[in-house]
C-alpha atoms as a PDB file:
ATOM      1  CA  MET A   1      93.271 139.881  82.454  1.00  0.00           C
ATOM      2  CA  GLN A   2      94.132 143.531  82.495  1.00  0.00           C
ATOM      3  CA  ALA A   3      91.222 143.937  84.913  1.00  0.00           C
ATOM      4  CA  VAL A   4      92.956 141.738  87.521  1.00  0.00           C
ATOM      5  CA  ALA A   5      96.148 143.768  87.128  1.00  0.00           C
ATOM      6  CA  ARG A   6      94.157 147.002  87.410  1.00  0.00           C
ATOM      7  CA  CYS A   7      92.161 145.959  90.497  1.00  0.00           C
ATOM      8  CA  TYR A   8      94.745 143.779  92.281  1.00  0.00           C
ATOM      9  CA  PRO A   9      98.160 144.953  91.057  1.00  0.00           C
ATOM     10  CA  PRO A  10     101.198 142.868  91.899  1.00  0.00           C
ATOM     11  CA  PRO A  11     103.288 144.320  94.714  1.00  0.00           C
ATOM     12  CA  ALA A  12     106.714 145.561  93.600  1.00  0.00           C
ATOM     13  CA  GLU A  13     108.624 143.318  96.012  1.00  0.00           C
ATOM     14  CA  ALA A  14     107.126 139.950  95.025  1.00  0.00           C
ATOM     15  CA  LYS A  15     105.554 138.002  92.193  1.00  0.00           C
ATOM     16  CA  PRO A  16     102.075 137.194  93.545  1.00  0.00           C
ATOM     17  CA  THR A  17     100.515 133.834  92.864  1.00  0.00           C
ATOM     18  CA  VAL A  18      97.130 133.668  91.130  1.00  0.00           C
ATOM     19  CA  LEU A  19      94.978 130.537  91.227  1.00  0.00           C
ATOM     20  CA  LEU A  20      92.970 129.909  88.062  1.00  0.00           C
ATOM     21  CA  CYS A  21      90.168 127.329  88.321  1.00  0.00           C
ATOM     22  CA  CYS A  22      89.278 126.174  84.815  1.00  0.00           C
ATOM     23  CA  GLY A  23      86.300 124.151  83.644  1.00  0.00           C
ATOM     24  CA  PRO A  24      85.939 121.837  80.645  1.00  0.00           C
ATOM     25  CA  GLY A  25      84.314 124.297  78.224  1.00  0.00           C
ATOM     26  CA  ASN A  26      85.040 127.611  76.541  1.00  0.00           C
ATOM     27  CA  ASN A  27      85.186 129.430  79.884  1.00  0.00           C
ATOM     28  CA  GLY A  28      87.988 127.090  80.953  1.00  0.00           C
ATOM     29  CA  GLY A  29      89.772 127.865  77.698  1.00  0.00           C
ATOM     30  CA  ASP A  30      89.474 131.549  78.530  1.00  0.00           C
ATOM     31  CA  GLY A  31      91.060 130.763  81.894  1.00  0.00           C
ATOM     32  CA  LEU A  32      94.029 129.074  80.219  1.00  0.00           C
ATOM     33  CA  VAL A  33      94.542 132.126  78.008  1.00  0.00           C
ATOM     34  CA  ALA A  34      94.202 134.352  81.095  1.00  0.00           C
ATOM     35  CA  ALA A  35      96.992 132.396  82.806  1.00  0.00           C
ATOM     36  CA  ARG A  36      99.396 133.331  80.004  1.00  0.00           C
ATOM     37  CA  HIS A  37      98.398 136.995  80.185  1.00  0.00           C
ATOM     38  CA  LEU A  38      98.777 137.098  83.963  1.00  0.00           C
ATOM     39  CA  LEU A  39     102.288 135.667  83.637  1.00  0.00           C
ATOM     40  CA  THR A  40     103.249 138.555  81.345  1.00  0.00           C
ATOM     41  CA  PHE A  41     101.688 141.044  83.790  1.00  0.00           C
ATOM     42  CA  GLY A  42     104.034 139.946  86.600  1.00  0.00           C
ATOM     43  CA  TYR A  43     102.007 137.263  88.374  1.00  0.00           C
ATOM     44  CA  GLU A  44     102.778 133.596  88.968  1.00  0.00           C
ATOM     45  CA  PRO A  45      99.698 131.765  87.663  1.00  0.00           C
ATOM     46  CA  GLN A  46      98.816 128.271  88.843  1.00  0.00           C
ATOM     47  CA  VAL A  47      96.008 126.349  87.142  1.00  0.00           C
ATOM     48  CA  PHE A  48      93.563 123.845  88.598  1.00  0.00           C
ATOM     49  CA  TYR A  49      91.983 122.074  85.595  1.00  0.00           C
ATOM     50  CA  PRO A  50      90.252 118.922  86.889  1.00  0.00           C
ATOM     51  CA  LYS A  51      88.238 117.892  83.824  1.00  0.00           C
ATOM     52  CA  ARG A  52      90.121 118.365  80.576  1.00  0.00           C
ATOM     53  CA  PRO A  53      88.254 117.860  77.300  1.00  0.00           C
ATOM     54  CA  ASP A  54      89.917 115.663  74.707  1.00  0.00           C
ATOM     55  CA  LYS A  55      89.835 118.321  71.991  1.00  0.00           C
ATOM     56  CA  ARG A  56      92.720 119.692  69.978  1.00  0.00           C
ATOM     57  CA  LEU A  57      92.123 123.337  70.956  1.00  0.00           C
ATOM     58  CA  TYR A  58      92.359 122.588  74.676  1.00  0.00           C
ATOM     59  CA  HIS A  59      95.455 120.415  74.178  1.00  0.00           C
ATOM     60  CA  ILE A  60      97.080 123.391  72.433  1.00  0.00           C
ATOM     61  CA  LEU A  61      96.069 125.815  75.214  1.00  0.00           C
ATOM     62  CA  VAL A  62      97.508 123.485  77.875  1.00  0.00           C
ATOM     63  CA  ALA A  63     100.718 122.991  75.855  1.00  0.00           C
ATOM     64  CA  GLN A  64     101.148 126.775  75.557  1.00  0.00           C
ATOM     65  CA  CYS A  65     100.881 127.129  79.334  1.00  0.00           C
ATOM     66  CA  GLU A  66     103.266 124.254  79.937  1.00  0.00           C
ATOM     67  CA  LYS A  67     105.861 125.770  77.569  1.00  0.00           C
ATOM     68  CA  LEU A  68     105.719 128.891  79.729  1.00  0.00           C
ATOM     69  CA  GLN A  69     106.230 126.673  82.810  1.00  0.00           C
ATOM     70  CA  ILE A  70     102.837 127.573  84.251  1.00  0.00           C
ATOM     71  CA  LYS A  71     102.134 125.109  87.037  1.00  0.00           C
ATOM     72  CA  PHE A  72      99.098 122.794  86.865  1.00  0.00           C
ATOM     73  CA  LEU A  73      97.744 121.588  90.212  1.00  0.00           C
ATOM     74  CA  SER A  74      96.449 118.034  90.594  1.00  0.00           C
ATOM     75  CA  GLN A  75      94.235 119.037  93.537  1.00  0.00           C
ATOM     76  CA  LEU A  76      92.493 122.205  94.595  1.00  0.00           C
ATOM     77  CA  PRO A  77      94.079 123.572  97.761  1.00  0.00           C
ATOM     78  CA  PRO A  78      91.784 123.971 100.781  1.00  0.00           C
ATOM     79  CA  ALA A  79      90.331 127.441 101.343  1.00  0.00           C
ATOM     80  CA  SER A  80      92.777 128.193 104.176  1.00  0.00           C
ATOM     81  CA  ASP A  81      95.749 127.470 101.865  1.00  0.00           C
ATOM     82  CA  ILE A  82      94.238 129.634  99.104  1.00  0.00           C
ATOM     83  CA  ASP A  83      93.910 132.499 101.581  1.00  0.00           C
ATOM     84  CA  LEU A  84      97.512 132.045 102.713  1.00  0.00           C
ATOM     85  CA  ASN A  85      99.232 131.466  99.363  1.00  0.00           C
ATOM     86  CA  TYR A  86      97.307 133.279  96.614  1.00  0.00           C
ATOM     87  CA  HIS A  87      96.857 136.968  95.792  1.00  0.00           C
ATOM     88  CA  VAL A  88      93.712 136.482  93.651  1.00  0.00           C
ATOM     89  CA  THR A  89      91.583 133.554  92.448  1.00  0.00           C
ATOM     90  CA  VAL A  90      90.140 133.444  88.919  1.00  0.00           C
ATOM     91  CA  ASP A  91      86.889 131.561  88.314  1.00  0.00           C
ATOM     92  CA  ALA A  92      86.864 130.210  84.746  1.00  0.00           C
ATOM     93  CA  LEU A  93      84.777 127.118  85.501  1.00  0.00           C
ATOM     94  CA  PHE A  94      81.440 127.655  83.753  1.00  0.00           C
ATOM     95  CA  GLY A  95      80.224 130.154  81.200  1.00  0.00           C
ATOM     96  CA  PHE A  96      76.931 131.083  79.651  1.00  0.00           C
ATOM     97  CA  GLY A  97      76.023 127.475  78.779  1.00  0.00           C
ATOM     98  CA  PHE A  98      75.726 126.444  82.432  1.00  0.00           C
ATOM     99  CA  LYS A  99      72.344 125.053  83.571  1.00  0.00           C
ATOM    100  CA  GLY A 100      71.123 123.475  86.820  1.00  0.00           C
ATOM    101  CA  SER A 101      73.311 122.631  89.802  1.00  0.00           C
ATOM    102  CA  PRO A 102      77.045 121.960  89.636  1.00  0.00           C
ATOM    103  CA  ARG A 103      78.072 118.299  89.739  1.00  0.00           C
ATOM    104  CA  ALA A 104      81.243 116.655  91.037  1.00  0.00           C
ATOM    105  CA  PRO A 105      84.014 117.647  91.063  1.00  0.00           C
ATOM    106  CA  PHE A 106      82.837 121.227  90.524  1.00  0.00           C
ATOM    107  CA  ASP A 107      80.348 121.309  93.407  1.00  0.00           C
ATOM    108  CA  SER A 108      83.240 120.948  95.870  1.00  0.00           C
ATOM    109  CA  VAL A 109      85.331 123.480  93.907  1.00  0.00           C
ATOM    110  CA  LEU A 110      82.546 126.053  94.277  1.00  0.00           C
ATOM    111  CA  SER A 111      82.263 125.244  98.001  1.00  0.00           C
ATOM    112  CA  THR A 112      85.986 125.814  98.462  1.00  0.00           C
ATOM    113  CA  LEU A 113      85.924 129.085  96.533  1.00  0.00           C
ATOM    114  CA  HIS A 114      82.935 130.251  98.598  1.00  0.00           C
ATOM    115  CA  ALA A 115      85.011 129.715 101.749  1.00  0.00           C
ATOM    116  CA  THR A 116      88.019 131.768 100.640  1.00  0.00           C
ATOM    117  CA  LYS A 117      88.616 135.340 101.694  1.00  0.00           C
ATOM    118  CA  ARG A 118      90.921 136.315  98.834  1.00  0.00           C
ATOM    119  CA  PRO A 119      89.595 138.430  95.936  1.00  0.00           C
ATOM    120  CA  LEU A 120      87.684 136.389  93.354  1.00  0.00           C
ATOM    121  CA  CYS A 121      87.440 137.291  89.667  1.00  0.00           C
ATOM    122  CA  SER A 122      84.844 135.577  87.454  1.00  0.00           C
ATOM    123  CA  VAL A 123      85.309 135.350  83.697  1.00  0.00           C
ATOM    124  CA  ASP A 124      82.162 136.354  81.734  1.00  0.00           C
ATOM    125  CA  VAL A 125      79.546 134.669  83.981  1.00  0.00           C
ATOM    126  CA  PRO A 126      80.070 133.789  87.661  1.00  0.00           C
ATOM    127  CA  SER A 127      80.178 129.995  87.956  1.00  0.00           C
ATOM    128  CA  GLY A 128      76.897 128.491  89.104  1.00  0.00           C
ATOM    129  CA  TRP A 129      74.838 131.332  87.598  1.00  0.00           C
ATOM    130  CA  ASP A 130      72.219 131.067  84.886  1.00  0.00           C
ATOM    131  CA  VAL A 131      73.252 133.393  82.047  1.00  0.00           C
ATOM    132  CA  GLU A 132      69.895 135.179  82.140  1.00  0.00           C
ATOM    133  CA  LYS A 133      68.593 134.832  85.707  1.00  0.00           C
ATOM    134  CA  GLY A 134      71.737 134.883  87.838  1.00  0.00           C
ATOM    135  CA  ASP A 135      72.249 132.587  90.825  1.00  0.00           C
ATOM    136  CA  THR A 136      68.900 130.788  90.759  1.00  0.00           C
ATOM    137  CA  VAL A 137      70.049 127.777  92.807  1.00  0.00           C
ATOM    138  CA  GLY A 138      71.926 129.696  95.502  1.00  0.00           C
ATOM    139  CA  SER A 139      75.266 127.914  95.115  1.00  0.00           C
ATOM    140  CA  GLY A 140      76.804 130.303  92.568  1.00  0.00           C
ATOM    141  CA  LEU A 141      79.948 132.264  93.262  1.00  0.00           C
ATOM    142  CA  ARG A 142      79.908 135.891  94.414  1.00  0.00           C
ATOM    143  CA  PRO A 143      82.937 137.456  92.735  1.00  0.00           C
ATOM    144  CA  ASP A 144      84.536 140.746  93.696  1.00  0.00           C
ATOM    145  CA  LEU A 145      85.453 141.332  90.042  1.00  0.00           C
ATOM    146  CA  LEU A 146      83.446 140.341  86.968  1.00  0.00           C
ATOM    147  CA  VAL A 147      85.066 140.535  83.536  1.00  0.00           C
ATOM    148  CA  SER A 148      82.299 140.351  80.920  1.00  0.00           C
ATOM    149  CA  LEU A 149      83.571 139.240  77.519  1.00  0.00           C
ATOM    150  CA  THR A 150      82.374 140.944  74.322  1.00  0.00           C
ATOM    151  CA  ALA A 151      79.143 142.215  75.952  1.00  0.00           C
ATOM    152  CA  PRO A 152      77.700 141.959  79.467  1.00  0.00           C
ATOM    153  CA  LYS A 153      75.404 138.946  79.770  1.00  0.00           C
ATOM    154  CA  PRO A 154      71.881 139.486  81.165  1.00  0.00           C
ATOM    155  CA  CYS A 155      72.902 138.005  84.543  1.00  0.00           C
ATOM    156  CA  ALA A 156      75.427 140.836  85.033  1.00  0.00           C
ATOM    157  CA  LYS A 157      72.570 142.993  86.344  1.00  0.00           C
ATOM    158  CA  TYR A 158      72.622 140.770  89.474  1.00  0.00           C
ATOM    159  CA  PHE A 159      76.359 141.291  90.026  1.00  0.00           C
ATOM    160  CA  SER A 160      76.937 143.055  93.329  1.00  0.00           C
ATOM    161  CA  GLY A 161      80.730 142.912  93.558  1.00  0.00           C
ATOM    162  CA  THR A 162      83.125 145.838  93.576  1.00  0.00           C
ATOM    163  CA  HIS A 163      84.503 145.873  90.018  1.00  0.00           C
ATOM    164  CA  HIS A 164      82.841 145.133  86.660  1.00  0.00           C
ATOM    165  CA  TYR A 165      84.855 145.386  83.455  1.00  0.00           C
ATOM    166  CA  LEU A 166      84.113 144.647  79.820  1.00  0.00           C
ATOM    167  CA  GLY A 167      86.818 143.019  77.722  1.00  0.00           C
ATOM    168  CA  MET A 168      87.339 141.824  74.137  1.00  0.00           C
ATOM    169  CA  ARG A 169      86.644 144.926  72.104  1.00  0.00           C
ATOM    170  CA  MET A 170      85.930 143.095  68.872  1.00  0.00           C
ATOM    171  CA  VAL A 171      82.194 143.376  68.185  1.00  0.00           C
ATOM    172  CA  PRO A 172      81.625 144.427  64.561  1.00  0.00           C
ATOM    173  CA  GLN A 173      79.185 147.328  64.194  1.00  0.00           C
ATOM    174  CA  GLU A 174      76.850 145.171  62.089  1.00  0.00           C
ATOM    175  CA  LEU A 175      76.574 142.614  64.914  1.00  0.00           C
ATOM    176  CA  ALA A 176      76.121 145.325  67.549  1.00  0.00           C
ATOM    177  CA  SER A 177      73.269 146.800  65.491  1.00  0.00           C
ATOM    178  CA  GLN A 178      71.654 143.417  64.847  1.00  0.00           C
ATOM    179  CA  PHE A 179      71.497 142.641  68.598  1.00  0.00           C
ATOM    180  CA  GLN A 180      70.933 146.278  69.635  1.00  0.00           C
ATOM    181  CA  LEU A 181      74.072 146.263  71.767  1.00  0.00           C
ATOM    182  CA  VAL A 182      75.008 149.570  73.321  1.00  0.00           C
ATOM    183  CA  LEU A 183      78.650 149.117  74.216  1.00  0.00           C
ATOM    184  CA  PRO A 184      80.911 151.694  75.851  1.00  0.00           C
ATOM    185  CA  SER A 185      83.887 153.212  74.088  1.00  0.00           C
ATOM    186  CA  TYR A 186      87.294 151.848  75.000  1.00  0.00           C
ATOM    187  CA  PRO A 187      89.861 154.513  75.831  1.00  0.00           C
ATOM    188  CA  GLY A 188      92.876 154.558  73.524  1.00  0.00           C
ATOM    189  CA  ALA A 189      94.357 151.102  72.967  1.00  0.00           C
ATOM    190  CA  GLU A 190      92.802 149.628  76.140  1.00  0.00           C
ATOM    191  CA  GLN A 191      91.410 146.114  75.922  1.00  0.00           C
ATOM    192  CA  ILE A 192      89.092 146.653  78.905  1.00  0.00           C
ATOM    193  CA  VAL A 193      86.666 149.315  80.028  1.00  0.00           C
ATOM    194  CA  ARG A 194      85.201 149.731  83.530  1.00  0.00           C
ATOM    195  CA  LEU A 195      81.423 149.330  83.744  1.00  0.00           C
ATOM    196  CA  SER A 196      80.962 149.786  87.502  1.00  0.00           C
END
């Protein structure tokens, strides 16, 4: 979540609160990992995780957050409270496996996030978007910041927000060649690189 720290740095006088909305799949797992990183970057992360899978990996990710005393919310705050109490919101609801229209409880989560005025960061694919075609249904989120993981997904060409970063600099050259990926160079020891 270096991209959040780069685009929306914490003010020196306070520890800003970040709301992370996590879904039941891998994207939600990425959100739980992001919460830990944001804590180390000087933010106070709070996680809304309404549908937790009963899988060992996700139990471990939740336990790691809890050991760091990261707060888990039982309900998503209304948009007005998000605007008042949070510095940034992170969308880690759905990833590249998403198809169709969002169902409960995530349809109302997307509606709430649409209504907020605070900066919104989407992890890998904006929630509600088809990985190839973008927001085909019209209910997908419109993030200000998109952090593509490993390589930008085809839908990233429809991203019209302010900041687009690439993270997870771990694509082996053999894999990059196999899929004809043309990835930018990361400066120094950076874990992110700005795309737009």
